[in-house]
Structure formats: structure tokens, C-alpha cells
C-alpha atoms as a PDB file:
ATOM      1  CA  MET A   1    -102.764 134.421  34.102  1.00  0.00           C
ATOM      2  CA  CYS A   2     -99.968 135.431  31.462  1.00  0.00           C
ATOM      3  CA  ASN A   3    -100.698 139.050  33.311  1.00  0.00           C
ATOM      4  CA  LYS A   4    -100.031 137.398  36.938  1.00  0.00           C
ATOM      5  CA  ILE A   5     -97.059 135.942  36.321  1.00  0.00           C
ATOM      6  CA  PHE A   6     -95.460 138.552  34.218  1.00  0.00           C
ATOM      7  CA  ASN A   7     -96.378 140.799  37.373  1.00  0.00           C
ATOM      8  CA  LYS A   8     -95.004 138.725  39.671  1.00  0.00           C
ATOM      9  CA  ALA A   9     -91.506 138.086  37.770  1.00  0.00           C
ATOM     10  CA  SER A  10     -91.565 141.453  37.901  1.00  0.00           C
ATOM     11  CA  ARG A  11     -92.139 142.265  41.989  1.00  0.00           C
ATOM     12  CA  LEU A  12     -89.419 139.584  42.634  1.00  0.00           C
ATOM     13  CA  LYS A  13     -86.611 141.218  40.365  1.00  0.00           C
ATOM     14  CA  GLU A  14     -87.676 144.718  41.944  1.00  0.00           C
ATOM     15  CA  HIS A  15     -87.032 142.747  45.035  1.00  0.00           C
ATOM     16  CA  GLN A  16     -84.053 141.581  44.201  1.00  0.00           C
ATOM     17  CA  ARG A  17     -82.631 144.907  42.920  1.00  0.00           C
ATOM     18  CA  VAL A  18     -83.821 146.376  46.098  1.00  0.00           C
ATOM     19  CA  HIS A  19     -82.128 143.705  48.221  1.00  0.00           C
ATOM     20  CA  THR A  20     -78.718 144.412  46.297  1.00  0.00           C
ATOM     21  CA  ALA A  21     -79.040 147.932  46.805  1.00  0.00           C
ATOM     22  CA  GLU A  22     -79.858 147.721  50.645  1.00  0.00           C
ATOM     23  CA  ARG A  23     -76.921 145.294  50.628  1.00  0.00           C
ATOM     24  CA  PRO A  24     -74.019 146.070  48.461  1.00  0.00           C
ATOM     25  CA  TYR A  25     -71.304 144.468  50.455  1.00  0.00           C
ATOM     26  CA  CYS A  26     -70.589 141.008  49.934  1.00  0.00           C
ATOM     27  CA  CYS A  27     -67.920 138.251  51.684  1.00  0.00           C
ATOM     28  CA  ASP A  28     -65.852 136.975  48.714  1.00  0.00           C
ATOM     29  CA  VAL A  29     -65.861 133.547  51.037  1.00  0.00           C
ATOM     30  CA  CYS A  30     -69.035 132.804  50.881  1.00  0.00           C
ATOM     31  CA  ASN A  31     -71.168 135.557  49.071  1.00  0.00           C
ATOM     32  CA  LYS A  32     -73.272 136.356  52.361  1.00  0.00           C
ATOM     33  CA  THR A  33     -74.015 140.434  51.475  1.00  0.00           C
ATOM     34  CA  PHE A  34     -74.506 143.071  53.942  1.00  0.00           C
ATOM     35  CA  SER A  35     -75.964 146.937  54.682  1.00  0.00           C
ATOM     36  CA  ARG A  36     -72.451 148.225  56.476  1.00  0.00           C
ATOM     37  CA  ARG A  37     -68.872 148.187  55.304  1.00  0.00           C
ATOM     38  CA  SER A  38     -68.006 147.361  59.036  1.00  0.00           C
ATOM     39  CA  SER A  39     -70.556 144.468  58.965  1.00  0.00           C
ATOM     40  CA  LEU A  40     -68.876 142.774  56.278  1.00  0.00           C
ATOM     41  CA  LYS A  41     -65.423 143.884  58.245  1.00  0.00           C
ATOM     42  CA  THR A  42     -67.031 141.501  61.516  1.00  0.00           C
ATOM     43  CA  HIS A  43     -68.127 138.776  59.754  1.00  0.00           C
ATOM     44  CA  HIS A  44     -64.776 138.656  57.935  1.00  0.00           C
ATOM     45  CA  TYR A  45     -63.147 136.884  61.298  1.00  0.00           C
ATOM     46  CA  LEU A  46     -65.428 134.004  61.337  1.00  0.00           C
ATOM     47  CA  HIS A  47     -63.315 133.002  58.203  1.00  0.00           C
ATOM     48  CA  THR A  48     -60.045 134.218  59.317  1.00  0.00           C
ATOM     49  CA  GLY A  49     -60.415 132.830  63.200  1.00  0.00           C
ATOM     50  CA  GLU A  50     -59.477 136.540  64.343  1.00  0.00           C
ATOM     51  CA  ARG A  51     -60.927 138.151  67.484  1.00  0.00           C
ATOM     52  CA  PRO A  52     -59.521 141.133  68.208  1.00  0.00           C
ATOM     53  CA  TYR A  53     -61.741 142.169  71.098  1.00  0.00           C
ATOM     54  CA  CYS A  54     -60.627 141.514  74.573  1.00  0.00           C
ATOM     55  CA  CYS A  55     -62.119 141.305  77.893  1.00  0.00           C
ATOM     56  CA  ASN A  56     -60.346 143.750  80.657  1.00  0.00           C
ATOM     57  CA  VAL A  57     -61.288 141.769  83.049  1.00  0.00           C
ATOM     58  CA  CYS A  58     -60.550 138.304  82.280  1.00  0.00           C
ATOM     59  CA  ASN A  59     -58.981 138.813  78.927  1.00  0.00           C
ATOM     60  CA  LYS A  60     -61.035 136.638  76.975  1.00  0.00           C
ATOM     61  CA  THR A  61     -61.219 137.460  72.857  1.00  0.00           C
ATOM     62  CA  LEU A  62     -64.108 137.536  71.311  1.00  0.00           C
ATOM     63  CA  SER A  63     -64.412 138.260  66.808  1.00  0.00           C
ATOM     64  CA  ASN A  64     -67.352 141.265  67.477  1.00  0.00           C
ATOM     65  CA  ARG A  65     -68.176 144.200  69.762  1.00  0.00           C
ATOM     66  CA  SER A  66     -71.507 143.038  71.092  1.00  0.00           C
ATOM     67  CA  SER A  67     -70.529 139.645  71.324  1.00  0.00           C
ATOM     68  CA  LEU A  68     -67.871 141.600  74.354  1.00  0.00           C
ATOM     69  CA  LYS A  69     -70.678 143.620  75.364  1.00  0.00           C
ATOM     70  CA  ARG A  70     -72.965 140.656  76.425  1.00  0.00           C
ATOM     71  CA  HIS A  71     -69.869 138.753  77.691  1.00  0.00           C
ATOM     72  CA  ASN A  72     -68.910 141.669  79.798  1.00  0.00           C
ATOM     73  CA  TYR A  73     -72.434 140.958  81.776  1.00  0.00           C
ATOM     74  CA  LEU A  74     -70.775 137.798  83.090  1.00  0.00           C
ATOM     75  CA  HIS A  75     -69.070 139.881  85.346  1.00  0.00           C
ATOM     76  CA  THR A  76     -71.259 142.831  86.115  1.00  0.00           C
ATOM     77  CA  GLY A  77     -73.894 140.502  86.779  1.00  0.00           C
ATOM     78  CA  GLU A  78     -76.325 142.971  84.657  1.00  0.00           C
ATOM     79  CA  HIS A  79     -79.550 141.128  83.038  1.00  0.00           C
ATOM     80  CA  PRO A  80     -81.337 143.632  80.865  1.00  0.00           C
ATOM     81  CA  TYR A  81     -83.602 141.777  79.043  1.00  0.00           C
ATOM     82  CA  CYS A  82     -86.749 140.937  80.419  1.00  0.00           C
ATOM     83  CA  CYS A  83     -89.414 138.498  80.150  1.00  0.00           C
ATOM     84  CA  ASP A  84     -92.994 140.352  80.106  1.00  0.00           C
ATOM     85  CA  VAL A  85     -94.552 137.121  81.088  1.00  0.00           C
ATOM     86  CA  CYS A  86     -92.301 135.736  84.093  1.00  0.00           C
ATOM     87  CA  ASN A  87     -90.064 138.733  84.649  1.00  0.00           C
ATOM     88  CA  LYS A  88     -87.472 136.293  84.453  1.00  0.00           C
ATOM     89  CA  THR A  89     -84.615 138.392  82.786  1.00  0.00           C
ATOM     90  CA  PHE A  90     -81.047 137.101  80.973  1.00  0.00           C
ATOM     91  CA  SER A  91     -78.084 139.069  79.499  1.00  0.00           C
ATOM     92  CA  ASP A  92     -78.912 138.676  76.248  1.00  0.00           C
ATOM     93  CA  LYS A  93     -81.695 138.916  73.772  1.00  0.00           C
ATOM     94  CA  SER A  94     -81.085 135.762  71.754  1.00  0.00           C
ATOM     95  CA  SER A  95     -81.619 133.696  75.643  1.00  0.00           C
ATOM     96  CA  LEU A  96     -84.778 135.712  76.259  1.00  0.00           C
ATOM     97  CA  LYS A  97     -86.182 134.594  72.537  1.00  0.00           C
ATOM     98  CA  ARG A  98     -85.355 130.917  73.332  1.00  0.00           C
ATOM     99  CA  HIS A  99     -86.781 131.290  76.827  1.00  0.00           C
ATOM    100  CA  TYR A 100     -90.458 132.647  75.539  1.00  0.00           C
ATOM    101  CA  HIS A 101     -90.617 129.579  74.298  1.00  0.00           C
ATOM    102  CA  LEU A 102     -91.161 127.676  77.394  1.00  0.00           C
ATOM    103  CA  HIS A 103     -94.150 129.891  77.609  1.00  0.00           C
ATOM    104  CA  THR A 104     -95.980 129.594  74.299  1.00  0.00           C
ATOM    105  CA  GLY A 105     -94.807 125.809  73.829  1.00  0.00           C
ATOM    106  CA  GLU A 106     -92.926 126.466  70.406  1.00  0.00           C
ATOM    107  CA  ARG A 107     -90.550 123.707  69.743  1.00  0.00           C
ATOM    108  CA  PRO A 108     -88.943 125.003  66.179  1.00  0.00           C
ATOM    109  CA  TYR A 109     -85.847 122.532  65.496  1.00  0.00           C
ATOM    110  CA  CYS A 110     -87.080 118.886  63.778  1.00  0.00           C
ATOM    111  CA  CYS A 111     -85.050 116.465  63.923  1.00  0.00           C
ATOM    112  CA  ASP A 112     -84.489 115.124  60.330  1.00  0.00           C
ATOM    113  CA  VAL A 113     -84.294 111.424  61.215  1.00  0.00           C
ATOM    114  CA  CYS A 114     -86.780 110.982  63.929  1.00  0.00           C
ATOM    115  CA  ASN A 115     -88.668 114.408  63.244  1.00  0.00           C
ATOM    116  CA  LYS A 116     -88.638 114.725  67.465  1.00  0.00           C
ATOM    117  CA  THR A 117     -88.699 118.421  67.778  1.00  0.00           C
ATOM    118  CA  PHE A 118     -86.546 121.054  70.217  1.00  0.00           C
ATOM    119  CA  ARG A 119     -86.917 124.394  71.400  1.00  0.00           C
ATOM    120  CA  GLU A 120     -83.099 125.275  70.433  1.00  0.00           C
ATOM    121  CA  ARG A 121     -81.174 124.347  67.834  1.00  0.00           C
ATOM    122  CA  SER A 122     -78.350 123.746  69.737  1.00  0.00           C
ATOM    123  CA  ILE A 123     -80.272 120.778  71.866  1.00  0.00           C
ATOM    124  CA  LEU A 124     -81.021 119.457  68.068  1.00  0.00           C
ATOM    125  CA  VAL A 125     -77.336 119.390  67.358  1.00  0.00           C
ATOM    126  CA  MET A 126     -76.228 117.462  70.370  1.00  0.00           C
ATOM    127  CA  HIS A 127     -79.364 115.396  69.691  1.00  0.00           C
ATOM    128  CA  HIS A 128     -77.915 114.218  66.261  1.00  0.00           C
ATOM    129  CA  ASN A 129     -75.202 112.634  67.819  1.00  0.00           C
ATOM    130  CA  VAL A 130     -77.779 110.253  69.402  1.00  0.00           C
ATOM    131  CA  HIS A 131     -78.108 108.861  65.848  1.00  0.00           C
ATOM    132  CA  THR A 132     -74.759 109.252  64.686  1.00  0.00           C
ATOM    133  CA  GLY A 133     -73.577 107.757  67.895  1.00  0.00           C
ATOM    134  CA  GLU A 134     -70.518 110.353  68.164  1.00  0.00           C
ATOM    135  CA  ARG A 135     -69.580 111.597  71.920  1.00  0.00           C
ATOM    136  CA  LEU A 136     -67.099 114.189  71.248  1.00  0.00           C
ATOM    137  CA  TYR A 137     -66.649 114.957  75.049  1.00  0.00           C
ATOM    138  CA  CYS A 138     -64.238 112.401  76.901  1.00  0.00           C
ATOM    139  CA  CYS A 139     -63.387 112.069  80.471  1.00  0.00           C
ATOM    140  CA  ASP A 140     -60.084 112.582  80.900  1.00  0.00           C
ATOM    141  CA  VAL A 141     -59.939 110.407  84.163  1.00  0.00           C
ATOM    142  CA  CYS A 142     -61.404 106.793  83.183  1.00  0.00           C
ATOM    143  CA  ASN A 143     -62.144 108.109  79.497  1.00  0.00           C
ATOM    144  CA  LYS A 144     -66.022 107.489  79.410  1.00  0.00           C
ATOM    145  CA  THR A 145     -67.509 109.548  76.963  1.00  0.00           C
ATOM    146  CA  TYR A 146     -70.145 111.889  76.170  1.00  0.00           C
ATOM    147  CA  ILE A 147     -72.565 113.548  74.012  1.00  0.00           C
ATOM    148  CA  ARG A 148     -72.991 116.744  75.766  1.00  0.00           C
ATOM    149  CA  LYS A 149     -70.012 118.461  77.556  1.00  0.00           C
ATOM    150  CA  ARG A 150     -72.656 119.340  79.911  1.00  0.00           C
ATOM    151  CA  THR A 151     -72.628 115.756  80.784  1.00  0.00           C
ATOM    152  CA  LEU A 152     -69.236 115.075  80.964  1.00  0.00           C
ATOM    153  CA  LYS A 153     -68.965 117.938  83.438  1.00  0.00           C
ATOM    154  CA  VAL A 154     -71.526 116.625  85.480  1.00  0.00           C
ATOM    155  CA  HIS A 155     -69.425 113.462  84.919  1.00  0.00           C
ATOM    156  CA  MET A 156     -66.347 114.654  86.487  1.00  0.00           C
ATOM    157  CA  ARG A 157     -68.114 115.709  89.677  1.00  0.00           C
ATOM    158  CA  VAL A 158     -67.341 111.667  90.397  1.00  0.00           C
ATOM    159  CA  HIS A 159     -63.739 112.048  90.753  1.00  0.00           C
ATOM    160  CA  THR A 160     -63.623 115.568  92.061  1.00  0.00           C
ATOM    161  CA  GLY A 161     -66.178 114.685  94.874  1.00  0.00           C
ATOM    162  CA  GLU A 162     -67.663 118.001  94.396  1.00  0.00           C
ATOM    163  CA  ARG A 163     -71.064 118.478  95.364  1.00  0.00           C
ATOM    164  CA  SER A 164     -72.128 122.329  95.593  1.00  0.00           C
ATOM    165  CA  TYR A 165     -76.007 122.253  95.661  1.00  0.00           C
ATOM    166  CA  LEU A 166     -77.119 122.252  99.407  1.00  0.00           C
ATOM    167  CA  CYS A 167     -80.474 121.312 100.261  1.00  0.00           C
ATOM    168  CA  ASP A 168     -81.307 124.306 103.122  1.00  0.00           C
ATOM    169  CA  MET A 169     -82.990 121.786 104.777  1.00  0.00           C
ATOM    170  CA  CYS A 170     -81.842 118.628 105.592  1.00  0.00           C
ATOM    171  CA  HIS A 171     -78.025 119.480 104.428  1.00  0.00           C
ATOM    172  CA  LYS A 172     -77.616 116.886 101.766  1.00  0.00           C
ATOM    173  CA  THR A 173     -75.691 117.957  99.236  1.00  0.00           C
ATOM    174  CA  PHE A 174     -75.968 117.224  95.567  1.00  0.00           C
ATOM    175  CA  ARG A 175     -73.599 117.253  92.061  1.00  0.00           C
ATOM    176  CA  GLU A 176     -76.575 118.534  90.084  1.00  0.00           C
ATOM    177  CA  LEU A 177     -79.187 121.365  91.013  1.00  0.00           C
ATOM    178  CA  GLU A 178     -81.763 119.186  89.132  1.00  0.00           C
ATOM    179  CA  LEU A 179     -81.389 116.310  91.378  1.00  0.00           C
ATOM    180  CA  LEU A 180     -81.533 118.977  94.479  1.00  0.00           C
ATOM    181  CA  LYS A 181     -84.561 120.574  93.101  1.00  0.00           C
ATOM    182  CA  VAL A 182     -85.847 116.855  93.008  1.00  0.00           C
ATOM    183  CA  HIS A 183     -84.582 115.864  96.526  1.00  0.00           C
ATOM    184  CA  GLN A 184     -86.874 118.951  98.123  1.00  0.00           C
ATOM    185  CA  HIS A 185     -90.247 117.378  97.183  1.00  0.00           C
ATOM    186  CA  VAL A 186     -89.164 114.605  99.477  1.00  0.00           C
ATOM    187  CA  HIS A 187     -89.512 117.810 101.955  1.00  0.00           C
ATOM    188  CA  THR A 188     -92.129 119.539 100.604  1.00  0.00           C
ATOM    189  CA  GLY A 189     -94.479 116.559  99.858  1.00  0.00           C
ATOM    190  CA  GLU A 190     -95.009 117.693  96.022  1.00  0.00           C
ATOM    191  CA  HIS A 191     -95.578 114.983  93.093  1.00  0.00           C
ATOM    192  CA  PRO A 192     -96.397 117.029  90.626  1.00  0.00           C
ATOM    193  CA  TYR A 193     -95.843 114.128  88.099  1.00  0.00           C
ATOM    194  CA  CYS A 194     -99.397 111.771  87.577  1.00  0.00           C
ATOM    195  CA  CYS A 195     -99.709 108.451  85.785  1.00  0.00           C
ATOM    196  CA  ASP A 196    -102.538 108.623  83.092  1.00  0.00           C
ATOM    197  CA  VAL A 197    -103.037 104.827  83.798  1.00  0.00           C
ATOM    198  CA  CYS A 198    -103.554 104.618  87.763  1.00  0.00           C
ATOM    199  CA  LYS A 199    -103.144 108.549  88.371  1.00  0.00           C
ATOM    200  CA  LYS A 200    -100.212 107.517  90.958  1.00  0.00           C
ATOM    201  CA  THR A 201     -98.457 111.261  91.581  1.00  0.00           C
ATOM    202  CA  LEU A 202     -94.715 111.105  91.509  1.00  0.00           C
ATOM    203  CA  SER A 203     -92.106 113.513  92.643  1.00  0.00           C
ATOM    204  CA  ASN A 204     -90.125 113.279  89.531  1.00  0.00           C
ATOM    205  CA  ARG A 205     -90.075 112.590  85.070  1.00  0.00           C
ATOM    206  CA  SER A 206     -88.015 109.980  85.718  1.00  0.00           C
ATOM    207  CA  SER A 207     -90.358 108.299  88.514  1.00  0.00           C
ATOM    208  CA  LEU A 208     -92.856 108.447  85.796  1.00  0.00           C
ATOM    209  CA  LYS A 209     -91.657 107.204  83.022  1.00  0.00           C
ATOM    210  CA  ARG A 210     -90.137 103.942  85.442  1.00  0.00           C
ATOM    211  CA  HIS A 211     -93.421 103.706  86.906  1.00  0.00           C
ATOM    212  CA  HIS A 212     -95.371 103.517  83.695  1.00  0.00           C
ATOM    213  CA  TYR A 213     -93.012 100.123  82.983  1.00  0.00           C
ATOM    214  CA  LEU A 214     -94.902  98.803  85.950  1.00  0.00           C
ATOM    215  CA  HIS A 215     -98.394  98.964  83.360  1.00  0.00           C
ATOM    216  CA  THR A 216     -96.251  98.161  80.084  1.00  0.00           C
ATOM    217  CA  GLY A 217     -94.052  95.152  81.867  1.00  0.00           C
ATOM    218  CA  GLU A 218     -91.522  96.677  79.385  1.00  0.00           C
ATOM    219  CA  HIS A 219     -87.926  96.099  80.768  1.00  0.00           C
ATOM    220  CA  PRO A 220     -85.672  97.976  78.627  1.00  0.00           C
ATOM    221  CA  TYR A 221     -82.479  97.408  80.043  1.00  0.00           C
ATOM    222  CA  CYS A 222     -81.173  93.578  79.460  1.00  0.00           C
ATOM    223  CA  CYS A 223     -77.424  92.413  81.186  1.00  0.00           C
ATOM    224  CA  ASP A 224     -75.161  91.283  78.389  1.00  0.00           C
ATOM    225  CA  VAL A 225     -73.780  88.665  80.696  1.00  0.00           C
ATOM    226  CA  CYS A 226     -76.693  86.712  81.822  1.00  0.00           C
ATOM    227  CA  ASN A 227     -79.709  88.363  79.766  1.00  0.00           C
ATOM    228  CA  LYS A 228     -82.101  89.390  82.665  1.00  0.00           C
ATOM    229  CA  THR A 229     -83.899  92.535  82.161  1.00  0.00           C
ATOM    230  CA  PHE A 230     -84.282  95.577  84.063  1.00  0.00           C
ATOM    231  CA  SER A 231     -86.706  98.552  84.285  1.00  0.00           C
ATOM    232  CA  ASN A 232     -84.349 100.915  84.758  1.00  0.00           C
ATOM    233  CA  LYS A 233     -80.431 101.250  84.143  1.00  0.00           C
ATOM    234  CA  SER A 234     -79.587 101.890  88.217  1.00  0.00           C
ATOM    235  CA  ILE A 235     -81.236  98.842  88.864  1.00  0.00           C
ATOM    236  CA  LEU A 236     -79.008  96.734  85.627  1.00  0.00           C
ATOM    237  CA  LYS A 237     -76.284  99.130  87.064  1.00  0.00           C
ATOM    238  CA  ARG A 238     -76.548  97.779  90.415  1.00  0.00           C
ATOM    239  CA  HIS A 239     -77.141  94.013  88.931  1.00  0.00           C
ATOM    240  CA  LEU A 240     -73.641  93.985  86.859  1.00  0.00           C
ATOM    241  CA  ASN A 241     -71.437  94.613  89.952  1.00  0.00           C
ATOM    242  CA  LEU A 242     -73.333  91.031  90.561  1.00  0.00           C
ATOM    243  CA  HIS A 243     -71.000  89.721  88.047  1.00  0.00           C
ATOM    244  CA  THR A 244     -67.814  92.162  88.525  1.00  0.00           C
ATOM    245  CA  GLY A 245     -67.536  91.619  92.174  1.00  0.00           C
ATOM    246  CA  GLU A 246     -67.260  95.421  92.363  1.00  0.00           C
ATOM    247  CA  ARG A 247     -68.164  96.326  95.951  1.00  0.00           C
ATOM    248  CA  PRO A 248     -67.590 100.330  95.299  1.00  0.00           C
ATOM    249  CA  TYR A 249     -69.190 101.715  98.080  1.00  0.00           C
ATOM    250  CA  CYS A 250     -67.497 101.565 101.393  1.00  0.00           C
ATOM    251  CA  CYS A 251     -68.577 102.056 104.894  1.00  0.00           C
ATOM    252  CA  ASP A 252     -66.298 105.212 106.335  1.00  0.00           C
ATOM    253  CA  VAL A 253     -66.230 103.754 109.754  1.00  0.00           C
ATOM    254  CA  CYS A 254     -65.736 100.173 109.637  1.00  0.00           C
ATOM    255  CA  ASN A 255     -64.796 100.109 105.923  1.00  0.00           C
ATOM    256  CA  LYS A 256     -66.995  97.771 105.207  1.00  0.00           C
ATOM    257  CA  THR A 257     -67.899  97.521 100.961  1.00  0.00           C
ATOM    258  CA  PHE A 258     -71.240  97.535  99.211  1.00  0.00           C
ATOM    259  CA  SER A 259     -72.242  96.914  95.450  1.00  0.00           C
ATOM    260  CA  ASP A 260     -75.112  99.819  96.067  1.00  0.00           C
ATOM    261  CA  ARG A 261     -75.199 102.604  97.475  1.00  0.00           C
ATOM    262  CA  ASN A 262     -78.718 102.058  98.778  1.00  0.00           C
ATOM    263  CA  SER A 263     -77.044  98.959 101.016  1.00  0.00           C
ATOM    264  CA  LEU A 264     -74.082 101.109 102.429  1.00  0.00           C
ATOM    265  CA  GLU A 265     -76.907 103.781 103.782  1.00  0.00           C
ATOM    266  CA  ILE A 266     -78.805 101.013 105.315  1.00  0.00           C
ATOM    267  CA  HIS A 267     -76.109  99.725 106.741  1.00  0.00           C
ATOM    268  CA  HIS A 268     -75.002 102.908 108.216  1.00  0.00           C
ATOM    269  CA  ASN A 269     -78.265 102.399 111.035  1.00  0.00           C
ATOM    270  CA  VAL A 270     -75.856  99.886 112.212  1.00  0.00           C
ATOM    271  CA  HIS A 271     -73.116 102.281 113.548  1.00  0.00           C
ATOM    272  CA  THR A 272     -76.226 105.367 113.780  1.00  0.00           C
ATOM    273  CA  GLY A 273     -78.691 103.289 116.015  1.00  0.00           C
ATOM    274  CA  GLU A 274     -81.289 104.748 113.650  1.00  0.00           C
ATOM    275  CA  ARG A 275     -84.000 101.932 112.678  1.00  0.00           C
ATOM    276  CA  PRO A 276     -86.396 103.736 110.442  1.00  0.00           C
ATOM    277  CA  TYR A 277     -88.768 101.124 109.719  1.00  0.00           C
ATOM    278  CA  CYS A 278     -91.931 100.755 112.035  1.00  0.00           C
ATOM    279  CA  CYS A 279     -94.381  97.598 112.296  1.00  0.00           C
ATOM    280  CA  ASP A 280     -97.857  99.670 112.303  1.00  0.00           C
ATOM    281  CA  VAL A 281     -99.133  96.413 114.323  1.00  0.00           C
ATOM    282  CA  CYS A 282     -96.592  96.082 116.803  1.00  0.00           C
ATOM    283  CA  ASN A 283     -94.702  99.186 116.988  1.00  0.00           C
ATOM    284  CA  LYS A 284     -91.166  97.354 116.151  1.00  0.00           C
ATOM    285  CA  THR A 285     -88.466  99.408 114.581  1.00  0.00           C
ATOM    286  CA  PHE A 286     -85.782  97.721 112.443  1.00  0.00           C
ATOM    287  CA  ILE A 287     -83.082  98.681 110.422  1.00  0.00           C
ATOM    288  CA  SER A 288     -84.194  98.343 106.674  1.00  0.00           C
ATOM    289  CA  LYS A 289     -87.443  97.736 104.832  1.00  0.00           C
ATOM    290  CA  GLY A 290     -86.495  94.305 104.018  1.00  0.00           C
ATOM    291  CA  THR A 291     -86.158  93.046 107.671  1.00  0.00           C
ATOM    292  CA  LEU A 292     -89.612  94.740 108.560  1.00  0.00           C
ATOM    293  CA  LYS A 293     -90.861  92.940 105.692  1.00  0.00           C
ATOM    294  CA  VAL A 294     -90.021  89.495 106.717  1.00  0.00           C
ATOM    295  CA  HIS A 295     -90.779  90.388 110.078  1.00  0.00           C
ATOM    296  CA  MET A 296     -94.579  91.149 109.470  1.00  0.00           C
ATOM    297  CA  ARG A 297     -94.926  87.496 108.237  1.00  0.00           C
ATOM    298  CA  VAL A 298     -95.288  87.043 111.637  1.00  0.00           C
ATOM    299  CA  HIS A 299     -98.404  88.873 111.786  1.00  0.00           C
ATOM    300  CA  THR A 300     -99.898  87.762 108.704  1.00  0.00           C
ATOM    301  CA  GLY A 301     -98.983  83.686 109.093  1.00  0.00           C
ATOM    302  CA  GLU A 302     -97.266  83.957 105.501  1.00  0.00           C
ATOM    303  CA  ARG A 303     -94.808  81.189 105.457  1.00  0.00           C
ATOM    304  CA  SER A 304     -91.686  81.661 103.471  1.00  0.00           C
ATOM    305  CA  SER A 305     -91.194  79.398 100.389  1.00  0.00           C
ATOM    306  CA  LEU A 306     -87.595  78.530 100.898  1.00  0.00           C
END
């Protein structure tokens, strides 16, 4: 046993000697070691903040040559790294490596507070803000704050009116690519998300999550004025307009205002003459689903409880 411990210690010392010999250049700030003097020089830029490599297209500066090379792919459109599973291409090796986690299911980055796992370190770093309450990104128009820079960027489209994602079937526009993808299920009829309780299928993950509340009875969103609870945030947001009197949605034909977008869309049918809701008994058509529901009492004999 003593010989085994001695041999193990000897191998460890030998490894340390080899490692030191292989990486003889040491940073005098953080003691990180390097095998080449040039690598140590590049590393020093992290401490000095120096960015000596400049893009000759947009003049952006970077701290090392490899970063400049990867940056140039933004201008050339080059994607030299290819996934051998799905053939998707990437401009740098690290992005390809992260992409592989989609195929392997690997989530190597774990939150030390709630143990939730993530495919990427950057997402874990952003997730930590959920626990700290830190919201670093602030809208300079309305001062609303966000945990992620991307969420702020999407929010800014509310102020700019930008809707750059276009459905090529109905020409409806969206602020986010993900919203466009969800919308396209309306045309394809695709419902890829299935409830494991009643097997109902839905077109997107958030709808499935809200649907689950029907089975659990959960209403996690609470009005801080009247304490009424709701199964999703958007309904709570519309409800709050009842207390504030806010009617942010305005008809561009008659300037009538509404507390929620859905009511505005129904109102538009008054101007267009569209009556999309049809009674399957007498084929009479209606502007809104609520009006059709009231009409159905004629056939069912149901009386209002007013």
C-alpha cells in the first residue's frame, strides 16, 4: 500500500514537472501558464484591456487574431464548421460545440442554487440573475429593466414598431422569429406539443404550459389590486387595465380604444364586414365568438342567469 501511494505521488510530481516544462510562460497577474510567449502576450490583453487587432471592414477592435478571424466571417458570410448530424454550419468551433448539445441532450452547466441545467455557460450566467434579482439591461425610453440583453432588444421593438419577421402565407408580421414560427402552425395545422394528461395537442410550448393549469387548477398570476388570480400573465395584464382605465389599443379607422388587442381585432370586423364565427345549426354568422355563444342559446334553450 505504501509503495502504491509513493508511486502515485511520484507520478504526480513528474506530471507537474512536465507540465511546467511544457508551459514555461507564466502571467504575472493571475499566474496562468502558457506554452508559447505569443500566447502569454495575447493573454495579457485581458488584463490591460488592449485590443490591437482591427477589422478593416467595420473598424471593430479585438484582443487576438483568432477572434478577428471569426469576426470577419460576419462580413464574408463564411461558416466553415459543419455539424455532421444535421449539416447546420457555424462561423466558429465553439458555436458548433454548443450546438452538439442539442443532439446529445447534454446540459453540462448546472445552477448551484436550484440545480437547473443548461446547454451553455452564457445562459447559466443570465439565469443566475433570476435568483439575485439583478436586471442589468434598462430601456432608455420607458425605464423597464430586463435580465437579458436579447429581451431588451426585443422589447425595444415595441417603441420602434419594428416587425421584421413576415409570414409568407398571410403577410402578418411579428417582432420575434419564435412568434413567427409559432404562428406558422396556424397554416400548417401542426400541433407538436402534447398534454400528457388528456393528450390534447397544442402549437407551442407556452400554450401547453398554460393548458396544464386546467388540470392542476393552478392560477399563479395574482392581481395586486383585487387579488383575483389568473392562469397566464397576458390575461392578468389585460385585467389590470380594468383598474388603471388604460385602453392602449386604438382602432385606426374610428379611433375607438380598447383595453386588449383581442377586443380591437374583433372590433375591426365592424369596419371590414367580416363575420368569421358561424353557427353550425343555422349557418348564421357573427363578428365575435362571444356573440355566437349567446346566439347558441336560441338553439339549446339555455337561459341567461342574469
